[in-house]
Amino acid sequence: MFVFSSVAVGFALVSFLTLPSHAYSASSLFASSALLANPESVLGAGIAFGLAALGAGVAVGYAGSAAIAAIAEKPNLFGRALVIVVLGEGIAIYGFVIVFILTSLSAP
């Protein structure tokens, strides 16, 4: 269920990003030009971003808890622990790049 909600949020975000600037109502969410051009690429972009955000959340969760434990024992490890946690967040950034690649392919 959590994976489905992540994918749904990703699809909604991608649909909102591809809307024209003057059409931000809920009724025009599925009437954007990107969805009319190629709905499969927008759906793929939503799935890609949702799963990338889910993966980033899992990575930051595990790395963050390990980083807190390491910092509690040795406070001088803060910089190294921060870098490891930020590397996990890069997964979501890669997913966001895929959103722009897939939605640019749907342009006519």
Protein backbone atom coordinates (compact mmCIF):
# COMPACT_ATOMS: atom_id res chain seq x y z
CA MET A 1 0.00 0.00 0.00
CA PHE A 2 2.88 2.36 0.80
CA VAL A 3 4.44 1.76 -2.63
CA PHE A 4 1.14 2.55 -4.32
CA SER A 5 0.78 5.81 -2.40
CA SER A 6 4.36 6.80 -3.29
CA VAL A 7 3.68 6.15 -6.95
CA ALA A 8 0.40 8.09 -6.76
CA VAL A 9 2.13 11.08 -5.17
CA GLY A 10 4.84 10.93 -7.83
CA PHE A 11 2.23 10.80 -10.60
CA ALA A 12 0.35 13.75 -9.11
CA LEU A 13 3.56 15.76 -8.81
CA VAL A 14 4.57 15.04 -12.40
CA SER A 15 1.08 15.92 -13.62
CA PHE A 16 1.16 19.17 -11.66
CA LEU A 17 4.61 20.07 -13.06
CA THR A 18 3.48 19.55 -16.64
CA LEU A 19 0.38 21.75 -16.34
CA PRO A 20 0.36 25.16 -18.01
CA SER A 21 0.90 28.03 -15.58
CA HIS A 22 -2.67 29.29 -15.87
CA ALA A 23 -4.40 25.95 -15.22
CA TYR A 24 -3.94 24.88 -11.61
CA SER A 25 -7.43 23.58 -10.90
CA ALA A 26 -8.20 19.98 -10.00
CA SER A 27 -10.51 19.54 -12.99
CA SER A 28 -7.73 20.33 -15.43
CA LEU A 29 -5.23 17.96 -13.83
CA PHE A 30 -5.77 15.30 -16.47
CA ALA A 31 -6.26 17.73 -19.34
CA SER A 32 -2.69 18.97 -19.56
CA SER A 33 -0.88 18.97 -22.87
CA ALA A 34 1.73 16.47 -21.68
CA LEU A 35 -0.92 13.93 -20.68
CA LEU A 36 -2.72 14.36 -23.98
CA ALA A 37 0.51 13.97 -25.94
CA ASN A 38 1.79 10.79 -24.32
CA PRO A 39 0.15 9.61 -21.09
CA GLU A 40 2.39 6.56 -20.86
CA SER A 41 5.54 8.65 -20.46
CA VAL A 42 3.93 10.77 -17.74
CA LEU A 43 2.76 7.62 -15.95
CA GLY A 44 6.27 6.20 -16.29
CA ALA A 45 7.74 9.41 -14.92
CA GLY A 46 5.36 9.29 -11.96
CA ILE A 47 6.25 5.69 -11.22
CA ALA A 48 9.96 6.44 -11.56
CA PHE A 49 9.80 9.41 -9.22
CA GLY A 50 7.59 7.63 -6.69
CA LEU A 51 9.86 4.61 -6.48
CA ALA A 52 12.98 6.78 -6.38
CA ALA A 53 11.51 8.77 -3.49
CA LEU A 54 10.61 5.53 -1.73
CA GLY A 55 14.16 4.24 -2.20
CA ALA A 56 15.63 7.50 -0.95
CA GLY A 57 13.43 7.37 2.13
CA VAL A 58 14.59 3.86 2.94
CA ALA A 59 18.24 4.78 2.35
CA VAL A 60 18.07 7.92 4.47
CA GLY A 61 16.23 6.01 7.20
CA TYR A 62 18.87 3.30 7.52
CA ALA A 63 21.86 5.61 7.02
CA GLY A 64 20.40 8.25 9.34
CA SER A 65 19.85 5.84 12.19
CA ALA A 66 23.37 4.43 11.81
CA ALA A 67 24.78 7.96 11.61
CA ILE A 68 23.02 9.01 14.82
CA ALA A 69 24.40 5.94 16.59
CA ALA A 70 27.92 6.66 15.33
CA ILE A 71 27.73 10.35 16.29
CA ALA A 72 26.51 9.40 19.77
CA GLU A 73 29.68 7.36 20.29
CA LYS A 74 32.15 9.64 18.47
CA PRO A 75 30.98 13.23 17.88
CA ASN A 76 33.86 13.91 15.48
CA LEU A 77 32.18 11.63 12.87
CA PHE A 78 29.46 14.20 12.16
CA GLY A 79 30.85 15.31 8.79
CA ARG A 80 31.35 11.79 7.48
CA ALA A 81 27.93 10.70 8.68
CA LEU A 82 26.29 13.69 7.03
CA VAL A 83 27.91 12.83 3.69
CA ILE A 84 26.63 9.25 3.87
CA VAL A 85 23.07 10.40 4.62
CA VAL A 86 23.16 12.95 1.78
CA LEU A 87 24.31 10.26 -0.67
CA GLY A 88 21.09 8.38 0.02
CA GLU A 89 19.08 11.48 -0.86
CA GLY A 90 20.75 11.55 -4.28
CA ILE A 91 18.49 8.69 -5.34
CA ALA A 92 15.47 11.02 -5.26
CA ILE A 93 17.36 13.61 -7.30
CA TYR A 94 18.08 10.96 -9.95
CA GLY A 95 14.36 10.17 -10.05
CA PHE A 96 13.56 13.84 -10.49
CA VAL A 97 15.98 14.02 -13.45
CA ILE A 98 14.21 11.02 -14.99
CA VAL A 99 10.91 12.93 -14.68
CA PHE A 100 12.26 15.72 -16.85
CA ILE A 101 13.76 13.31 -19.35
CA LEU A 102 10.55 11.33 -19.77
CA THR A 103 8.26 14.36 -19.94
CA SER A 104 10.50 16.04 -22.52
CA LEU A 105 10.18 12.92 -24.68
CA SER A 106 6.40 13.29 -24.66
CA ALA A 107 6.53 16.69 -26.38
CA PRO A 108 5.18 16.49 -29.95
